[in-house]
Amino acid sequence: MKVFIQTILVLIFVCISSSAYADPIVTESTSNSTVTTTGDNKTTVKSPPPSAISPSINSNNSDLCTIGVSGAVQTQILGISGGATVRDMNCERLKLSKTIYDMGMKVAAVSIMCQDDRVFRAMEMAGTPCPFMGKIGEEAQKSWDAKPELRPTVKTQEKTKNDKLEGAAMGVGASLLLLLLL
């Protein structure tokens, strides 16, 4: 059986290879033609869109009280990217308070924490008002009541109002810039 298959394969190979040595067929022909083409050509180039890549802002040191913020905007013509670090004031307050407490100055550490409106109100609700110019307890509460403009609540409300106005102005400015770029 094996010999039979080999014989058939040899015959097929000989037949195919012998046809390659045949004489070529030569024909002569002459033709005249006129081609007129009218049309519009349109070329479309597809390429990836340009991209503005925002920078990465690293704050790996755990002793830093900063947060990295970055962003990018890309239009068909122009790309803008940028980044910055933002101070975390609450983190700084906690670190300062802990450091002063570790130095043995407990009243000063509490005073630093009382600069936060939430801590100030919590201390009042607990019946232990924040220190006021070296006074503690009831004397401090009387002094806070006598000068309410020094409370962190008033300062926080003013700062929040200013932050909201500044944030709104930044948002409007960014929107106008985007519309201009588009």
N, C-alpha and C. Protein backbone atom coordinates (compact mmCIF):
# COMPACT_ATOMS: atom_id res chain seq x y z
N MET A 1 0.82 -1.19 0.00
CA MET A 1 0.00 0.00 0.00
C MET A 1 0.87 1.26 0.00
N LYS A 2 1.93 1.21 0.82
CA LYS A 2 2.83 2.34 0.92
C LYS A 2 3.54 2.60 -0.41
N VAL A 3 3.94 1.56 -1.08
CA VAL A 3 4.62 1.67 -2.36
C VAL A 3 3.67 2.24 -3.40
N PHE A 4 2.41 1.86 -3.33
CA PHE A 4 1.41 2.32 -4.29
C PHE A 4 1.22 3.83 -4.17
N ILE A 5 1.13 4.35 -2.95
CA ILE A 5 0.94 5.79 -2.71
C ILE A 5 2.16 6.56 -3.19
N GLN A 6 3.36 6.00 -2.94
CA GLN A 6 4.58 6.68 -3.38
C GLN A 6 4.64 6.74 -4.90
N THR A 7 4.20 5.69 -5.56
CA THR A 7 4.21 5.66 -7.02
C THR A 7 3.28 6.73 -7.58
N ILE A 8 2.10 6.87 -6.99
CA ILE A 8 1.13 7.86 -7.46
C ILE A 8 1.68 9.27 -7.26
N LEU A 9 2.29 9.51 -6.16
CA LEU A 9 2.86 10.83 -5.89
C LEU A 9 3.98 11.16 -6.88
N VAL A 10 4.80 10.19 -7.23
CA VAL A 10 5.88 10.40 -8.19
C VAL A 10 5.29 10.72 -9.56
N LEU A 11 4.25 10.01 -9.98
CA LEU A 11 3.62 10.25 -11.27
C LEU A 11 3.01 11.67 -11.34
N ILE A 12 2.35 12.06 -10.27
CA ILE A 12 1.75 13.41 -10.24
C ILE A 12 2.84 14.46 -10.34
N PHE A 13 3.92 14.28 -9.64
CA PHE A 13 5.03 15.22 -9.66
C PHE A 13 5.65 15.32 -11.05
N VAL A 14 5.82 14.18 -11.73
CA VAL A 14 6.40 14.16 -13.08
C VAL A 14 5.47 14.86 -14.06
N CYS A 15 4.17 14.65 -13.93
CA CYS A 15 3.22 15.28 -14.85
C CYS A 15 3.21 16.80 -14.67
N ILE A 16 3.24 17.25 -13.47
CA ILE A 16 3.20 18.69 -13.21
C ILE A 16 4.49 19.33 -13.68
N SER A 17 5.62 18.72 -13.43
CA SER A 17 6.89 19.33 -13.80
C SER A 17 7.13 19.28 -15.31
N SER A 18 6.60 18.30 -16.00
CA SER A 18 6.82 18.23 -17.45
C SER A 18 6.00 19.27 -18.19
N SER A 19 4.87 19.71 -17.62
CA SER A 19 4.06 20.72 -18.29
C SER A 19 4.75 22.08 -18.24
N ALA A 20 5.68 22.28 -17.35
CA ALA A 20 6.39 23.54 -17.24
C ALA A 20 7.34 23.72 -18.40
N TYR A 21 7.72 22.65 -19.10
CA TYR A 21 8.66 22.74 -20.21
C TYR A 21 7.96 22.83 -21.56
N ALA A 22 6.69 23.12 -21.59
CA ALA A 22 5.96 23.20 -22.86
C ALA A 22 6.34 24.47 -23.60
N ASP A 23 6.09 24.52 -24.92
CA ASP A 23 6.40 25.68 -25.74
C ASP A 23 5.41 26.79 -25.45
N PRO A 24 5.88 28.05 -25.45
CA PRO A 24 4.98 29.17 -25.18
C PRO A 24 4.09 29.45 -26.38
N ILE A 25 2.93 30.00 -26.11
CA ILE A 25 2.00 30.39 -27.16
C ILE A 25 2.15 31.87 -27.38
N VAL A 26 2.42 32.26 -28.62
CA VAL A 26 2.65 33.65 -28.94
C VAL A 26 1.51 34.13 -29.82
N THR A 27 0.88 35.25 -29.40
CA THR A 27 -0.18 35.85 -30.22
C THR A 27 0.15 37.32 -30.40
N GLU A 28 -0.25 37.85 -31.54
CA GLU A 28 -0.03 39.26 -31.79
C GLU A 28 -1.39 39.92 -31.92
N SER A 29 -1.48 41.09 -31.24
CA SER A 29 -2.73 41.85 -31.36
C SER A 29 -2.41 43.33 -31.28
N THR A 30 -3.23 44.14 -31.90
CA THR A 30 -3.06 45.59 -31.90
C THR A 30 -4.41 46.19 -31.56
N SER A 31 -4.38 47.16 -30.65
CA SER A 31 -5.65 47.80 -30.29
C SER A 31 -5.38 49.28 -30.02
N ASN A 32 -6.35 50.08 -30.34
CA ASN A 32 -6.30 51.51 -30.07
C ASN A 32 -7.48 51.84 -29.16
N SER A 33 -7.20 52.63 -28.12
CA SER A 33 -8.30 53.01 -27.23
C SER A 33 -8.06 54.42 -26.72
N THR A 34 -9.15 55.11 -26.45
CA THR A 34 -9.09 56.46 -25.90
C THR A 34 -9.91 56.44 -24.61
N VAL A 35 -9.29 56.89 -23.52
CA VAL A 35 -9.97 56.92 -22.22
C VAL A 35 -10.09 58.36 -21.77
N THR A 36 -11.31 58.79 -21.44
CA THR A 36 -11.55 60.12 -20.91
C THR A 36 -12.15 59.95 -19.52
N THR A 37 -11.50 60.55 -18.54
CA THR A 37 -11.96 60.41 -17.15
C THR A 37 -12.25 61.78 -16.58
N THR A 38 -13.41 61.93 -15.98
CA THR A 38 -13.78 63.17 -15.31
C THR A 38 -14.27 62.79 -13.92
N GLY A 39 -13.75 63.45 -12.90
CA GLY A 39 -14.19 63.11 -11.55
C GLY A 39 -13.52 63.98 -10.50
N ASP A 40 -13.97 63.82 -9.29
CA ASP A 40 -13.39 64.55 -8.15
C ASP A 40 -12.61 63.56 -7.30
N ASN A 41 -11.45 63.96 -6.90
CA ASN A 41 -10.65 63.13 -6.02
C ASN A 41 -10.74 63.67 -4.59
N LYS A 42 -10.91 62.77 -3.66
CA LYS A 42 -10.99 63.16 -2.26
C LYS A 42 -10.07 62.24 -1.47
N THR A 43 -9.18 62.84 -0.71
CA THR A 43 -8.25 62.06 0.09
C THR A 43 -8.57 62.29 1.56
N THR A 44 -8.75 61.22 2.30
CA THR A 44 -9.01 61.29 3.73
C THR A 44 -7.83 60.67 4.46
N VAL A 45 -7.24 61.46 5.33
CA VAL A 45 -6.12 60.98 6.12
C VAL A 45 -6.62 60.72 7.53
N LYS A 46 -6.51 59.50 7.96
CA LYS A 46 -6.95 59.15 9.31
C LYS A 46 -5.71 59.01 10.18
N SER A 47 -5.66 59.85 11.19
CA SER A 47 -4.53 59.80 12.12
C SER A 47 -5.08 59.89 13.54
N PRO A 48 -4.33 59.44 14.49
CA PRO A 48 -4.83 59.52 15.86
C PRO A 48 -4.94 60.98 16.30
N PRO A 49 -5.91 61.29 17.16
CA PRO A 49 -6.07 62.68 17.59
C PRO A 49 -4.91 63.10 18.48
N PRO A 50 -4.58 64.38 18.45
CA PRO A 50 -3.54 64.85 19.36
C PRO A 50 -4.05 64.77 20.80
N SER A 51 -3.16 64.64 21.72
CA SER A 51 -3.62 64.52 23.10
C SER A 51 -2.76 65.35 24.03
N ALA A 52 -3.41 66.01 24.96
CA ALA A 52 -2.73 66.73 26.03
C ALA A 52 -2.75 65.81 27.23
N ILE A 53 -1.60 65.48 27.73
CA ILE A 53 -1.50 64.55 28.85
C ILE A 53 -1.15 65.34 30.10
N SER A 54 -1.98 65.19 31.13
CA SER A 54 -1.74 65.95 32.36
C SER A 54 -0.55 65.35 33.11
N PRO A 55 0.24 66.23 33.70
CA PRO A 55 1.43 65.75 34.42
C PRO A 55 1.04 65.04 35.70
N SER A 56 1.86 64.11 36.11
CA SER A 56 1.59 63.44 37.37
C SER A 56 2.34 64.18 38.47
N ILE A 57 1.62 64.51 39.52
CA ILE A 57 2.20 65.23 40.64
C ILE A 57 2.30 64.24 41.80
N ASN A 58 3.51 63.94 42.19
CA ASN A 58 3.71 62.97 43.27
C ASN A 58 3.99 63.70 44.57
N SER A 59 3.35 63.23 45.61
CA SER A 59 3.66 63.69 46.96
C SER A 59 3.80 62.44 47.82
N ASN A 60 4.90 61.75 47.61
CA ASN A 60 5.11 60.46 48.27
C ASN A 60 5.52 60.59 49.72
N ASN A 61 6.07 61.71 50.10
CA ASN A 61 6.54 61.87 51.46
C ASN A 61 5.33 62.01 52.39
N SER A 62 5.22 61.16 53.38
CA SER A 62 4.06 61.19 54.26
C SER A 62 4.12 62.37 55.22
N ASP A 63 5.26 63.06 55.30
CA ASP A 63 5.37 64.21 56.19
C ASP A 63 4.89 65.49 55.52
N LEU A 64 4.61 65.44 54.24
CA LEU A 64 4.10 66.61 53.54
C LEU A 64 2.58 66.65 53.62
N CYS A 65 2.07 67.81 53.79
CA CYS A 65 0.61 67.97 53.81
C CYS A 65 0.18 68.65 52.51
N THR A 66 0.44 67.98 51.40
CA THR A 66 0.06 68.50 50.10
C THR A 66 -0.66 67.44 49.30
N ILE A 67 -1.47 67.90 48.37
CA ILE A 67 -2.21 67.00 47.48
C ILE A 67 -1.90 67.44 46.06
N GLY A 68 -1.60 66.49 45.20
CA GLY A 68 -1.33 66.80 43.80
C GLY A 68 -2.60 66.89 42.99
N VAL A 69 -2.70 67.93 42.16
CA VAL A 69 -3.87 68.13 41.30
C VAL A 69 -3.35 68.44 39.90
N SER A 70 -3.91 67.76 38.89
CA SER A 70 -3.49 68.04 37.52
C SER A 70 -4.67 67.83 36.58
N GLY A 71 -4.56 68.40 35.39
CA GLY A 71 -5.63 68.26 34.41
C GLY A 71 -5.14 68.67 33.03
N ALA A 72 -5.92 68.29 32.03
CA ALA A 72 -5.56 68.62 30.65
C ALA A 72 -6.82 68.83 29.83
N VAL A 73 -6.69 69.70 28.80
CA VAL A 73 -7.78 69.96 27.86
C VAL A 73 -7.19 69.89 26.46
N GLN A 74 -7.87 69.20 25.56
CA GLN A 74 -7.39 69.06 24.19
C GLN A 74 -8.50 69.40 23.23
N THR A 75 -8.19 70.26 22.26
CA THR A 75 -9.10 70.54 21.16
C THR A 75 -8.43 70.07 19.88
N GLN A 76 -9.03 70.34 18.74
CA GLN A 76 -8.44 69.93 17.48
C GLN A 76 -7.17 70.72 17.16
N ILE A 77 -7.05 71.90 17.75
CA ILE A 77 -5.94 72.78 17.43
C ILE A 77 -4.92 72.87 18.55
N LEU A 78 -5.39 72.98 19.77
CA LEU A 78 -4.51 73.30 20.89
C LEU A 78 -4.75 72.38 22.07
N GLY A 79 -3.69 71.99 22.73
CA GLY A 79 -3.78 71.19 23.94
C GLY A 79 -3.07 71.90 25.08
N ILE A 80 -3.70 71.91 26.25
CA ILE A 80 -3.13 72.56 27.42
C ILE A 80 -3.18 71.58 28.58
N SER A 81 -2.09 71.48 29.32
CA SER A 81 -2.08 70.66 30.53
C SER A 81 -1.32 71.39 31.61
N GLY A 82 -1.63 71.06 32.84
CA GLY A 82 -0.95 71.70 33.96
C GLY A 82 -1.20 70.95 35.24
N GLY A 83 -0.44 71.29 36.24
CA GLY A 83 -0.59 70.64 37.53
C GLY A 83 -0.03 71.51 38.64
N ALA A 84 -0.42 71.20 39.85
CA ALA A 84 0.05 71.95 41.01
C ALA A 84 -0.15 71.12 42.26
N THR A 85 0.40 71.59 43.34
CA THR A 85 0.15 70.97 44.63
C THR A 85 -0.67 71.94 45.47
N VAL A 86 -1.56 71.39 46.29
CA VAL A 86 -2.44 72.18 47.14
C VAL A 86 -2.15 71.81 48.59
N ARG A 87 -2.01 72.82 49.42
CA ARG A 87 -1.76 72.56 50.84
C ARG A 87 -3.02 72.06 51.51
N ASP A 88 -2.86 71.05 52.36
CA ASP A 88 -3.96 70.53 53.17
C ASP A 88 -3.83 71.14 54.56
N MET A 89 -4.62 72.17 54.81
CA MET A 89 -4.49 72.91 56.06
C MET A 89 -4.88 72.07 57.28
N ASN A 90 -5.84 71.20 57.13
CA ASN A 90 -6.23 70.35 58.25
C ASN A 90 -5.11 69.39 58.62
N CYS A 91 -4.43 68.85 57.63
CA CYS A 91 -3.29 67.97 57.89
C CYS A 91 -2.20 68.73 58.63
N GLU A 92 -1.92 69.96 58.19
CA GLU A 92 -0.91 70.77 58.87
C GLU A 92 -1.31 71.04 60.31
N ARG A 93 -2.59 71.35 60.53
CA ARG A 93 -3.08 71.62 61.89
C ARG A 93 -2.89 70.40 62.78
N LEU A 94 -3.21 69.22 62.26
CA LEU A 94 -3.05 68.00 63.06
C LEU A 94 -1.58 67.74 63.39
N LYS A 95 -0.69 67.91 62.43
CA LYS A 95 0.74 67.68 62.67
C LYS A 95 1.30 68.68 63.67
N LEU A 96 0.91 69.96 63.53
CA LEU A 96 1.38 70.98 64.48
C LEU A 96 0.89 70.68 65.89
N SER A 97 -0.39 70.34 65.99
CA SER A 97 -0.97 70.05 67.29
C SER A 97 -0.28 68.85 67.95
N LYS A 98 -0.04 67.82 67.19
CA LYS A 98 0.61 66.63 67.74
C LYS A 98 2.04 66.95 68.19
N THR A 99 2.76 67.72 67.40
CA THR A 99 4.13 68.06 67.75
C THR A 99 4.17 68.89 69.03
N ILE A 100 3.29 69.86 69.16
CA ILE A 100 3.27 70.70 70.37
C ILE A 100 2.82 69.88 71.58
N TYR A 101 1.87 68.97 71.37
CA TYR A 101 1.43 68.09 72.46
C TYR A 101 2.58 67.20 72.92
N ASP A 102 3.36 66.69 71.98
CA ASP A 102 4.50 65.83 72.32
C ASP A 102 5.57 66.61 73.09
N MET A 103 5.59 67.93 72.95
CA MET A 103 6.53 68.76 73.71
C MET A 103 6.02 69.09 75.11
N GLY A 104 4.82 68.60 75.42
CA GLY A 104 4.26 68.81 76.75
C GLY A 104 3.37 70.03 76.87
N MET A 105 3.08 70.69 75.78
CA MET A 105 2.25 71.90 75.83
C MET A 105 0.83 71.56 75.38
N LYS A 106 0.07 70.99 76.31
CA LYS A 106 -1.26 70.47 75.98
C LYS A 106 -2.26 71.57 75.67
N VAL A 107 -2.24 72.67 76.41
CA VAL A 107 -3.20 73.75 76.17
C VAL A 107 -2.94 74.38 74.81
N ALA A 108 -1.69 74.55 74.44
CA ALA A 108 -1.34 75.12 73.13
C ALA A 108 -1.78 74.17 72.01
N ALA A 109 -1.63 72.86 72.25
CA ALA A 109 -2.06 71.88 71.24
C ALA A 109 -3.57 71.96 71.03
N VAL A 110 -4.32 72.10 72.11
CA VAL A 110 -5.77 72.22 72.00
C VAL A 110 -6.12 73.53 71.30
N SER A 111 -5.37 74.60 71.59
CA SER A 111 -5.64 75.89 70.94
C SER A 111 -5.45 75.80 69.43
N ILE A 112 -4.45 75.05 68.99
CA ILE A 112 -4.25 74.88 67.54
C ILE A 112 -5.44 74.14 66.94
N MET A 113 -5.89 73.09 67.60
CA MET A 113 -7.03 72.34 67.09
C MET A 113 -8.31 73.18 67.09
N CYS A 114 -8.42 74.11 68.05
CA CYS A 114 -9.61 74.95 68.15
C CYS A 114 -9.71 75.97 67.02
N GLN A 115 -8.68 76.11 66.20
CA GLN A 115 -8.77 77.00 65.04
C GLN A 115 -9.74 76.46 63.99
N ASP A 116 -10.06 75.17 64.08
CA ASP A 116 -11.05 74.55 63.19
C ASP A 116 -12.43 74.74 63.82
N ASP A 117 -13.36 75.27 63.06
CA ASP A 117 -14.70 75.55 63.55
C ASP A 117 -15.38 74.31 64.12
N ARG A 118 -15.17 73.16 63.49
CA ARG A 118 -15.81 71.93 63.97
C ARG A 118 -15.30 71.55 65.35
N VAL A 119 -14.00 71.68 65.58
CA VAL A 119 -13.42 71.36 66.89
C VAL A 119 -13.91 72.38 67.92
N PHE A 120 -13.93 73.66 67.52
CA PHE A 120 -14.38 74.72 68.43
C PHE A 120 -15.79 74.44 68.93
N ARG A 121 -16.70 74.12 68.00
CA ARG A 121 -18.09 73.84 68.40
C ARG A 121 -18.20 72.57 69.23
N ALA A 122 -17.41 71.56 68.89
CA ALA A 122 -17.43 70.30 69.66
C ALA A 122 -16.95 70.53 71.08
N MET A 123 -15.93 71.35 71.25
CA MET A 123 -15.42 71.65 72.60
C MET A 123 -16.48 72.39 73.41
N GLU A 124 -17.17 73.33 72.77
CA GLU A 124 -18.24 74.05 73.47
C GLU A 124 -19.37 73.11 73.87
N MET A 125 -19.74 72.21 72.96
CA MET A 125 -20.83 71.27 73.25
C MET A 125 -20.44 70.29 74.35
N ALA A 126 -19.17 70.01 74.50
CA ALA A 126 -18.70 69.10 75.54
C ALA A 126 -18.56 69.80 76.89
N GLY A 127 -18.72 71.13 76.91
CA GLY A 127 -18.60 71.87 78.17
C GLY A 127 -17.16 72.22 78.51
N THR A 128 -16.27 72.06 77.57
CA THR A 128 -14.86 72.42 77.77
C THR A 128 -14.47 73.39 76.66
N PRO A 129 -14.72 74.69 76.86
CA PRO A 129 -14.46 75.65 75.80
C PRO A 129 -12.96 75.74 75.47
N CYS A 130 -12.69 76.18 74.29
CA CYS A 130 -11.30 76.33 73.85
C CYS A 130 -10.61 77.42 74.65
N PRO A 131 -9.31 77.28 74.84
CA PRO A 131 -8.57 78.31 75.59
C PRO A 131 -8.63 79.65 74.87
N PHE A 132 -8.59 80.74 75.69
CA PHE A 132 -8.62 82.10 75.13
C PHE A 132 -7.55 82.92 75.84
N MET A 133 -6.49 83.27 75.16
CA MET A 133 -5.40 84.10 75.68
C MET A 133 -4.91 83.63 77.05
N GLY A 134 -4.68 82.33 77.17
CA GLY A 134 -4.15 81.76 78.41
C GLY A 134 -5.23 81.39 79.41
N LYS A 135 -6.46 81.74 79.16
CA LYS A 135 -7.56 81.41 80.07
C LYS A 135 -8.17 80.09 79.63
N ILE A 136 -8.61 79.28 80.60
CA ILE A 136 -9.28 78.02 80.29
C ILE A 136 -10.55 77.92 81.12
N GLY A 137 -11.40 76.99 80.73
CA GLY A 137 -12.65 76.76 81.46
C GLY A 137 -13.64 77.88 81.31
N GLU A 138 -14.30 78.24 82.48
CA GLU A 138 -15.35 79.26 82.47
C GLU A 138 -14.81 80.63 82.09
N GLU A 139 -13.58 80.95 82.53
CA GLU A 139 -12.98 82.25 82.17
C GLU A 139 -12.83 82.37 80.66
N ALA A 140 -12.41 81.28 80.00
CA ALA A 140 -12.25 81.29 78.54
C ALA A 140 -13.61 81.47 77.88
N GLN A 141 -14.66 80.79 78.40
CA GLN A 141 -15.99 80.90 77.82
C GLN A 141 -16.50 82.33 77.90
N LYS A 142 -16.26 83.01 79.03
CA LYS A 142 -16.69 84.40 79.18
C LYS A 142 -15.96 85.29 78.17
N SER A 143 -14.69 85.04 77.98
CA SER A 143 -13.91 85.84 77.02
C SER A 143 -14.39 85.60 75.59
N TRP A 144 -14.71 84.35 75.26
CA TRP A 144 -15.24 84.05 73.91
C TRP A 144 -16.58 84.74 73.71
N ASP A 145 -17.41 84.73 74.75
CA ASP A 145 -18.73 85.38 74.65
C ASP A 145 -18.58 86.90 74.50
N ALA A 146 -17.54 87.47 75.13
CA ALA A 146 -17.33 88.92 75.06
C ALA A 146 -16.81 89.34 73.68
N LYS A 147 -16.08 88.47 73.00
CA LYS A 147 -15.51 88.81 71.68
C LYS A 147 -15.89 87.73 70.66
N PRO A 148 -17.15 87.70 70.24
CA PRO A 148 -17.58 86.65 69.30
C PRO A 148 -16.95 86.78 67.91
N GLU A 149 -16.43 87.96 67.57
CA GLU A 149 -15.81 88.11 66.25
C GLU A 149 -14.51 87.33 66.11
N LEU A 150 -13.93 86.89 67.22
CA LEU A 150 -12.69 86.12 67.18
C LEU A 150 -12.93 84.61 67.04
N ARG A 151 -14.19 84.21 67.11
CA ARG A 151 -14.51 82.79 66.98
C ARG A 151 -14.15 82.28 65.57
N PRO A 152 -13.69 81.04 65.47
CA PRO A 152 -13.37 80.50 64.15
C PRO A 152 -14.59 80.40 63.25
N THR A 153 -15.79 80.37 63.82
CA THR A 153 -16.99 80.26 63.00
C THR A 153 -17.13 81.46 62.08
N VAL A 154 -16.89 82.66 62.60
CA VAL A 154 -17.02 83.88 61.80
C VAL A 154 -15.96 83.88 60.70
N LYS A 155 -14.73 83.54 61.05
CA LYS A 155 -13.64 83.52 60.07
C LYS A 155 -13.90 82.46 59.00
N THR A 156 -14.44 81.31 59.41
CA THR A 156 -14.71 80.23 58.46
C THR A 156 -15.79 80.64 57.47
N GLN A 157 -16.84 81.32 57.97
CA GLN A 157 -17.91 81.77 57.08
C GLN A 157 -17.40 82.77 56.05
N GLU A 158 -16.53 83.70 56.49
CA GLU A 158 -15.97 84.68 55.56
C GLU A 158 -15.10 83.99 54.51
N LYS A 159 -14.26 83.06 54.96
CA LYS A 159 -13.36 82.36 54.04
C LYS A 159 -14.16 81.51 53.06
N THR A 160 -15.21 80.84 53.54
CA THR A 160 -16.04 80.02 52.66
C THR A 160 -16.70 80.88 51.60
N LYS A 161 -17.20 82.03 52.01
CA LYS A 161 -17.84 82.95 51.06
C LYS A 161 -16.84 83.39 49.99
N ASN A 162 -15.62 83.76 50.41
CA ASN A 162 -14.58 84.18 49.47
C ASN A 162 -14.16 83.03 48.56
N ASP A 163 -14.05 81.82 49.11
CA ASP A 163 -13.69 80.66 48.31
C ASP A 163 -14.74 80.36 47.26
N LYS A 164 -16.01 80.51 47.62
CA LYS A 164 -17.09 80.26 46.66
C LYS A 164 -17.04 81.26 45.52
N LEU A 165 -16.82 82.53 45.85
CA LEU A 165 -16.74 83.55 44.81
C LEU A 165 -15.53 83.30 43.91
N GLU A 166 -14.41 82.97 44.51
CA GLU A 166 -13.20 82.70 43.72
C GLU A 166 -13.40 81.47 42.84
N GLY A 167 -14.02 80.42 43.39
CA GLY A 167 -14.28 79.21 42.61
C GLY A 167 -15.23 79.46 41.46
N ALA A 168 -16.24 80.28 41.69
CA ALA A 168 -17.18 80.60 40.62
C ALA A 168 -16.48 81.39 39.51
N ALA A 169 -15.64 82.33 39.89
CA ALA A 169 -14.90 83.11 38.89
C ALA A 169 -13.97 82.21 38.09
N MET A 170 -13.30 81.29 38.75
CA MET A 170 -12.41 80.36 38.04
C MET A 170 -13.21 79.49 37.08
N GLY A 171 -14.37 79.01 37.50
CA GLY A 171 -15.20 78.17 36.64
C GLY A 171 -15.68 78.91 35.40
N VAL A 172 -16.10 80.16 35.58
CA VAL A 172 -16.54 80.96 34.44
C VAL A 172 -15.37 81.23 33.50
N GLY A 173 -14.21 81.54 34.06
CA GLY A 173 -13.03 81.79 33.23
C GLY A 173 -12.62 80.56 32.44
N ALA A 174 -12.64 79.38 33.08
CA ALA A 174 -12.28 78.14 32.39
C ALA A 174 -13.29 77.83 31.28
N SER A 175 -14.56 78.06 31.54
CA SER A 175 -15.59 77.81 30.53
C SER A 175 -15.41 78.72 29.31
N LEU A 176 -15.11 79.99 29.57
CA LEU A 176 -14.89 80.92 28.46
C LEU A 176 -13.64 80.53 27.66
N LEU A 177 -12.60 80.09 28.33
CA LEU A 177 -11.39 79.65 27.63
C LEU A 177 -11.68 78.45 26.76
N LEU A 178 -12.45 77.50 27.28
CA LEU A 178 -12.81 76.31 26.47
C LEU A 178 -13.64 76.71 25.25
N LEU A 179 -14.59 77.60 25.43
CA LEU A 179 -15.40 78.03 24.29
C LEU A 179 -14.53 78.75 23.25
N LEU A 180 -13.57 79.53 23.72
CA LEU A 180 -12.67 80.24 22.80
C LEU A 180 -11.82 79.25 22.01
N LEU A 181 -11.37 78.19 22.67
CA LEU A 181 -10.52 77.20 21.99
C LEU A 181 -11.29 76.33 21.03
N LEU A 182 -12.54 76.12 21.31
CA LEU A 182 -13.34 75.27 20.41
C LEU A 182 -13.73 76.07 19.21
